[in-house]
Amino acid sequence: MVPQLAAGPALDRQQLAVRLAEWFATLPRNITVACASFTDWELLLDALDGSLPANQIGRYDLRAHSDSAEFNHAFIRYNEQSAPWHHALHDARAHRQGWLAWQGKGKTN
């Protein structure tokens, strides 16, 4: 996943943890990580070597929106128009589009 995100060579485990920590440090001071799968959360924790960034204040489970037509339509539309399915970066962007569509609908399912 990381080589596709960075368009560079693969990283070893320690380098991955360092690069992720550096990237998180560039983000706003309070962030919530949104995941569509608990496995994704576990993989992130593992990649960070169990050390959560100081600016990470929570985890948001996107599975709660799986029944939302707005969320799903935006997610599917992004993938059909913009990117291949099951690619980490594009999945993240597609989920963001779903989240924004759900937010715009008044947060109802």
N, C-alpha and C. Protein backbone atom coordinates (compact mmCIF):
# COMPACT_ATOMS: atom_id res chain seq x y z
N MET A 1 0.82 -1.19 0.00
CA MET A 1 0.00 0.00 0.00
C MET A 1 0.87 1.26 0.00
N VAL A 2 1.83 1.35 0.88
CA VAL A 2 2.60 2.57 1.02
C VAL A 2 3.34 2.94 -0.27
N PRO A 3 3.94 1.98 -1.00
CA PRO A 3 4.59 2.39 -2.24
C PRO A 3 3.61 3.08 -3.21
N GLN A 4 2.36 2.66 -3.22
CA GLN A 4 1.40 3.31 -4.10
C GLN A 4 1.03 4.69 -3.59
N LEU A 5 0.98 4.86 -2.28
CA LEU A 5 0.67 6.17 -1.72
C LEU A 5 1.80 7.16 -2.00
N ALA A 6 3.03 6.71 -1.84
CA ALA A 6 4.17 7.59 -1.98
C ALA A 6 4.81 7.52 -3.36
N ALA A 7 4.36 6.58 -4.18
CA ALA A 7 4.92 6.37 -5.52
C ALA A 7 6.43 6.16 -5.46
N GLY A 8 6.86 5.45 -4.43
CA GLY A 8 8.28 5.18 -4.27
C GLY A 8 8.52 3.74 -3.88
N PRO A 9 9.73 3.44 -3.48
CA PRO A 9 10.08 2.06 -3.14
C PRO A 9 9.41 1.60 -1.84
N ALA A 10 9.37 0.30 -1.67
CA ALA A 10 8.80 -0.28 -0.46
C ALA A 10 9.64 0.11 0.75
N LEU A 11 9.01 0.12 1.91
CA LEU A 11 9.68 0.47 3.15
C LEU A 11 9.72 -0.74 4.07
N ASP A 12 10.75 -0.82 4.90
CA ASP A 12 10.72 -1.86 5.92
C ASP A 12 9.81 -1.39 7.05
N ARG A 13 9.55 -2.26 8.00
CA ARG A 13 8.59 -1.98 9.07
C ARG A 13 8.94 -0.72 9.87
N GLN A 14 10.19 -0.56 10.22
CA GLN A 14 10.61 0.61 11.00
C GLN A 14 10.46 1.89 10.17
N GLN A 15 10.86 1.84 8.91
CA GLN A 15 10.72 3.01 8.04
C GLN A 15 9.25 3.39 7.87
N LEU A 16 8.40 2.38 7.76
CA LEU A 16 6.96 2.65 7.63
C LEU A 16 6.44 3.40 8.84
N ALA A 17 6.79 2.94 10.03
CA ALA A 17 6.34 3.60 11.26
C ALA A 17 6.82 5.05 11.30
N VAL A 18 8.06 5.28 10.92
CA VAL A 18 8.62 6.64 10.92
C VAL A 18 7.91 7.51 9.89
N ARG A 19 7.72 7.00 8.67
CA ARG A 19 7.06 7.79 7.62
C ARG A 19 5.62 8.13 7.99
N LEU A 20 4.90 7.16 8.56
CA LEU A 20 3.52 7.43 8.98
C LEU A 20 3.48 8.47 10.09
N ALA A 21 4.38 8.35 11.06
CA ALA A 21 4.43 9.33 12.15
C ALA A 21 4.73 10.72 11.61
N GLU A 22 5.65 10.81 10.66
CA GLU A 22 5.97 12.11 10.04
C GLU A 22 4.75 12.67 9.31
N TRP A 23 4.04 11.81 8.59
CA TRP A 23 2.86 12.26 7.86
C TRP A 23 1.78 12.74 8.82
N PHE A 24 1.51 11.97 9.88
CA PHE A 24 0.51 12.39 10.86
C PHE A 24 0.88 13.74 11.48
N ALA A 25 2.17 13.99 11.67
CA ALA A 25 2.62 15.25 12.26
C ALA A 25 2.31 16.45 11.36
N THR A 26 2.09 16.23 10.08
CA THR A 26 1.77 17.34 9.17
C THR A 26 0.28 17.67 9.18
N LEU A 27 -0.53 16.83 9.81
CA LEU A 27 -1.98 17.02 9.82
C LEU A 27 -2.40 17.97 10.93
N PRO A 28 -3.65 18.44 10.90
CA PRO A 28 -4.13 19.33 11.96
C PRO A 28 -3.93 18.71 13.34
N ARG A 29 -4.00 19.53 14.36
CA ARG A 29 -3.65 19.05 15.69
C ARG A 29 -4.63 18.04 16.27
N ASN A 30 -5.87 17.99 15.82
CA ASN A 30 -6.83 17.01 16.32
C ASN A 30 -7.47 16.29 15.14
N ILE A 31 -7.13 15.03 14.97
CA ILE A 31 -7.69 14.26 13.86
C ILE A 31 -8.39 13.01 14.38
N THR A 32 -9.37 12.59 13.63
CA THR A 32 -10.06 11.34 13.87
C THR A 32 -9.83 10.45 12.66
N VAL A 33 -9.39 9.25 12.90
CA VAL A 33 -9.15 8.30 11.81
C VAL A 33 -10.45 7.57 11.52
N ALA A 34 -10.89 7.61 10.29
CA ALA A 34 -12.12 6.92 9.88
C ALA A 34 -11.74 5.65 9.13
N CYS A 35 -12.35 4.55 9.52
CA CYS A 35 -12.08 3.25 8.89
C CYS A 35 -13.39 2.57 8.55
N ALA A 36 -13.39 1.86 7.44
CA ALA A 36 -14.56 1.08 7.03
C ALA A 36 -14.46 -0.36 7.50
N SER A 37 -13.37 -0.69 8.15
CA SER A 37 -13.13 -2.05 8.63
C SER A 37 -12.26 -1.98 9.87
N PHE A 38 -12.60 -2.78 10.87
CA PHE A 38 -11.77 -2.81 12.07
C PHE A 38 -10.38 -3.35 11.73
N THR A 39 -10.31 -4.21 10.74
CA THR A 39 -9.01 -4.73 10.30
C THR A 39 -8.11 -3.60 9.81
N ASP A 40 -8.69 -2.62 9.12
CA ASP A 40 -7.90 -1.46 8.67
C ASP A 40 -7.29 -0.73 9.86
N TRP A 41 -8.08 -0.56 10.92
CA TRP A 41 -7.61 0.09 12.13
C TRP A 41 -6.45 -0.70 12.74
N GLU A 42 -6.62 -2.01 12.83
CA GLU A 42 -5.57 -2.86 13.39
C GLU A 42 -4.29 -2.79 12.55
N LEU A 43 -4.45 -2.76 11.23
CA LEU A 43 -3.28 -2.65 10.35
C LEU A 43 -2.56 -1.32 10.56
N LEU A 44 -3.32 -0.25 10.74
CA LEU A 44 -2.71 1.05 11.00
C LEU A 44 -1.94 1.03 12.32
N LEU A 45 -2.57 0.49 13.36
CA LEU A 45 -1.88 0.41 14.66
C LEU A 45 -0.59 -0.40 14.54
N ASP A 46 -0.67 -1.50 13.81
CA ASP A 46 0.51 -2.34 13.61
C ASP A 46 1.59 -1.57 12.84
N ALA A 47 1.18 -0.86 11.80
CA ALA A 47 2.13 -0.09 11.00
C ALA A 47 2.79 1.02 11.82
N LEU A 48 2.05 1.56 12.78
CA LEU A 48 2.59 2.61 13.65
C LEU A 48 3.36 2.02 14.83
N ASP A 49 3.51 0.72 14.83
CA ASP A 49 4.21 0.01 15.90
C ASP A 49 3.54 0.24 17.25
N GLY A 50 2.21 0.40 17.22
CA GLY A 50 1.43 0.55 18.44
C GLY A 50 1.44 1.95 19.05
N SER A 51 2.16 2.88 18.45
CA SER A 51 2.26 4.24 19.00
C SER A 51 1.35 5.18 18.22
N LEU A 52 0.26 5.57 18.84
CA LEU A 52 -0.65 6.50 18.17
C LEU A 52 -0.05 7.90 18.15
N PRO A 53 -0.23 8.62 17.07
CA PRO A 53 0.26 10.00 17.01
C PRO A 53 -0.44 10.87 18.05
N ALA A 54 0.24 11.88 18.53
CA ALA A 54 -0.32 12.76 19.55
C ALA A 54 -1.56 13.49 19.07
N ASN A 55 -1.66 13.76 17.78
CA ASN A 55 -2.80 14.52 17.26
C ASN A 55 -3.99 13.64 16.89
N GLN A 56 -3.86 12.35 17.05
CA GLN A 56 -4.96 11.43 16.74
C GLN A 56 -5.83 11.31 17.98
N ILE A 57 -7.07 11.81 17.90
CA ILE A 57 -7.92 11.86 19.09
C ILE A 57 -9.05 10.85 19.07
N GLY A 58 -9.23 10.14 17.97
CA GLY A 58 -10.31 9.16 17.95
C GLY A 58 -10.33 8.32 16.69
N ARG A 59 -11.24 7.35 16.71
CA ARG A 59 -11.47 6.48 15.56
C ARG A 59 -12.95 6.52 15.25
N TYR A 60 -13.28 6.63 13.99
CA TYR A 60 -14.67 6.68 13.56
C TYR A 60 -14.94 5.49 12.67
N ASP A 61 -15.98 4.73 12.99
CA ASP A 61 -16.33 3.53 12.25
C ASP A 61 -17.30 3.88 11.13
N LEU A 62 -16.82 3.85 9.91
CA LEU A 62 -17.66 4.19 8.75
C LEU A 62 -18.69 3.12 8.43
N ARG A 63 -18.56 1.94 9.03
CA ARG A 63 -19.53 0.87 8.76
C ARG A 63 -20.94 1.28 9.15
N ALA A 64 -21.06 2.23 10.06
CA ALA A 64 -22.38 2.70 10.48
C ALA A 64 -23.16 3.32 9.32
N HIS A 65 -22.47 3.68 8.26
CA HIS A 65 -23.12 4.33 7.12
C HIS A 65 -23.36 3.38 5.95
N SER A 66 -23.15 2.10 6.18
CA SER A 66 -23.28 1.14 5.08
C SER A 66 -24.70 1.06 4.54
N ASP A 67 -25.69 1.47 5.32
CA ASP A 67 -27.07 1.46 4.85
C ASP A 67 -27.51 2.79 4.26
N SER A 68 -26.63 3.77 4.25
CA SER A 68 -26.97 5.09 3.74
C SER A 68 -26.83 5.11 2.21
N ALA A 69 -27.93 5.39 1.54
CA ALA A 69 -27.89 5.46 0.07
C ALA A 69 -26.95 6.56 -0.39
N GLU A 70 -26.96 7.70 0.28
CA GLU A 70 -26.10 8.82 -0.11
C GLU A 70 -24.63 8.42 -0.01
N PHE A 71 -24.28 7.81 1.10
CA PHE A 71 -22.90 7.38 1.31
C PHE A 71 -22.48 6.39 0.23
N ASN A 72 -23.27 5.36 0.03
CA ASN A 72 -22.92 4.31 -0.93
C ASN A 72 -22.88 4.82 -2.36
N HIS A 73 -23.82 5.67 -2.74
CA HIS A 73 -23.83 6.20 -4.11
C HIS A 73 -22.56 7.01 -4.38
N ALA A 74 -22.18 7.85 -3.42
CA ALA A 74 -20.98 8.67 -3.60
C ALA A 74 -19.72 7.80 -3.64
N PHE A 75 -19.67 6.80 -2.79
CA PHE A 75 -18.53 5.87 -2.76
C PHE A 75 -18.39 5.15 -4.11
N ILE A 76 -19.48 4.62 -4.60
CA ILE A 76 -19.47 3.89 -5.87
C ILE A 76 -19.16 4.82 -7.04
N ARG A 77 -19.77 5.99 -7.04
CA ARG A 77 -19.56 6.96 -8.12
C ARG A 77 -18.07 7.33 -8.21
N TYR A 78 -17.43 7.56 -7.07
CA TYR A 78 -16.01 7.90 -7.08
C TYR A 78 -15.20 6.77 -7.73
N ASN A 79 -15.44 5.55 -7.30
CA ASN A 79 -14.67 4.43 -7.83
C ASN A 79 -14.94 4.19 -9.31
N GLU A 80 -16.16 4.36 -9.74
CA GLU A 80 -16.48 4.12 -11.14
C GLU A 80 -15.89 5.20 -12.05
N GLN A 81 -15.77 6.42 -11.55
CA GLN A 81 -15.29 7.52 -12.38
C GLN A 81 -13.80 7.80 -12.23
N SER A 82 -13.25 7.52 -11.07
CA SER A 82 -11.93 8.04 -10.78
C SER A 82 -10.82 7.02 -10.57
N ALA A 83 -11.15 5.84 -10.12
CA ALA A 83 -10.07 5.00 -9.64
C ALA A 83 -10.43 3.53 -9.60
N PRO A 84 -9.41 2.70 -9.54
CA PRO A 84 -9.66 1.27 -9.41
C PRO A 84 -10.18 0.93 -8.00
N TRP A 85 -10.97 -0.11 -7.93
CA TRP A 85 -11.49 -0.58 -6.65
C TRP A 85 -10.35 -1.24 -5.85
N HIS A 86 -10.47 -1.18 -4.53
CA HIS A 86 -9.58 -1.88 -3.60
C HIS A 86 -8.12 -1.43 -3.73
N HIS A 87 -7.94 -0.16 -3.92
CA HIS A 87 -6.63 0.48 -3.91
C HIS A 87 -6.68 1.41 -2.71
N ALA A 88 -5.75 1.28 -1.79
CA ALA A 88 -5.84 1.96 -0.50
C ALA A 88 -6.10 3.46 -0.61
N LEU A 89 -5.36 4.14 -1.45
CA LEU A 89 -5.54 5.59 -1.56
C LEU A 89 -6.90 5.92 -2.15
N HIS A 90 -7.30 5.20 -3.19
CA HIS A 90 -8.59 5.48 -3.82
C HIS A 90 -9.75 5.07 -2.92
N ASP A 91 -9.58 3.99 -2.17
CA ASP A 91 -10.62 3.61 -1.21
C ASP A 91 -10.81 4.72 -0.17
N ALA A 92 -9.70 5.27 0.30
CA ALA A 92 -9.79 6.36 1.29
C ALA A 92 -10.52 7.56 0.70
N ARG A 93 -10.19 7.90 -0.52
CA ARG A 93 -10.86 9.04 -1.17
C ARG A 93 -12.33 8.76 -1.44
N ALA A 94 -12.64 7.53 -1.83
CA ALA A 94 -14.04 7.16 -2.07
C ALA A 94 -14.84 7.21 -0.78
N HIS A 95 -14.24 6.73 0.31
CA HIS A 95 -14.93 6.80 1.60
C HIS A 95 -15.14 8.25 2.03
N ARG A 96 -14.17 9.10 1.73
CA ARG A 96 -14.34 10.53 2.04
C ARG A 96 -15.52 11.11 1.27
N GLN A 97 -15.64 10.75 0.00
CA GLN A 97 -16.77 11.23 -0.79
C GLN A 97 -18.09 10.73 -0.21
N GLY A 98 -18.11 9.48 0.23
CA GLY A 98 -19.30 8.95 0.89
C GLY A 98 -19.63 9.71 2.15
N TRP A 99 -18.61 9.99 2.95
CA TRP A 99 -18.80 10.73 4.20
C TRP A 99 -19.35 12.13 3.92
N LEU A 100 -18.77 12.82 2.94
CA LEU A 100 -19.24 14.16 2.62
C LEU A 100 -20.68 14.14 2.12
N ALA A 101 -21.03 13.14 1.32
CA ALA A 101 -22.41 13.02 0.84
C ALA A 101 -23.36 12.77 2.00
N TRP A 102 -22.96 11.92 2.92
CA TRP A 102 -23.79 11.63 4.10
C TRP A 102 -23.95 12.88 4.95
N GLN A 103 -22.86 13.64 5.14
CA GLN A 103 -22.92 14.89 5.91
C GLN A 103 -23.88 15.87 5.26
N GLY A 104 -23.84 15.96 3.94
CA GLY A 104 -24.70 16.89 3.22
C GLY A 104 -26.17 16.52 3.26
N LYS A 105 -26.46 15.28 3.60
CA LYS A 105 -27.85 14.81 3.65
C LYS A 105 -28.44 14.99 5.05
N GLY A 106 -27.76 15.65 5.93
CA GLY A 106 -28.29 15.90 7.26
C GLY A 106 -28.06 14.75 8.22
N LYS A 107 -27.06 13.91 7.92
CA LYS A 107 -26.67 12.83 8.81
C LYS A 107 -27.78 11.85 9.11
N THR A 108 -28.57 11.53 8.13
CA THR A 108 -29.62 10.53 8.33
C THR A 108 -29.34 9.32 7.46
N ASN A 109 -29.76 8.16 7.93
CA ASN A 109 -29.61 6.93 7.14
C ASN A 109 -30.92 6.58 6.50
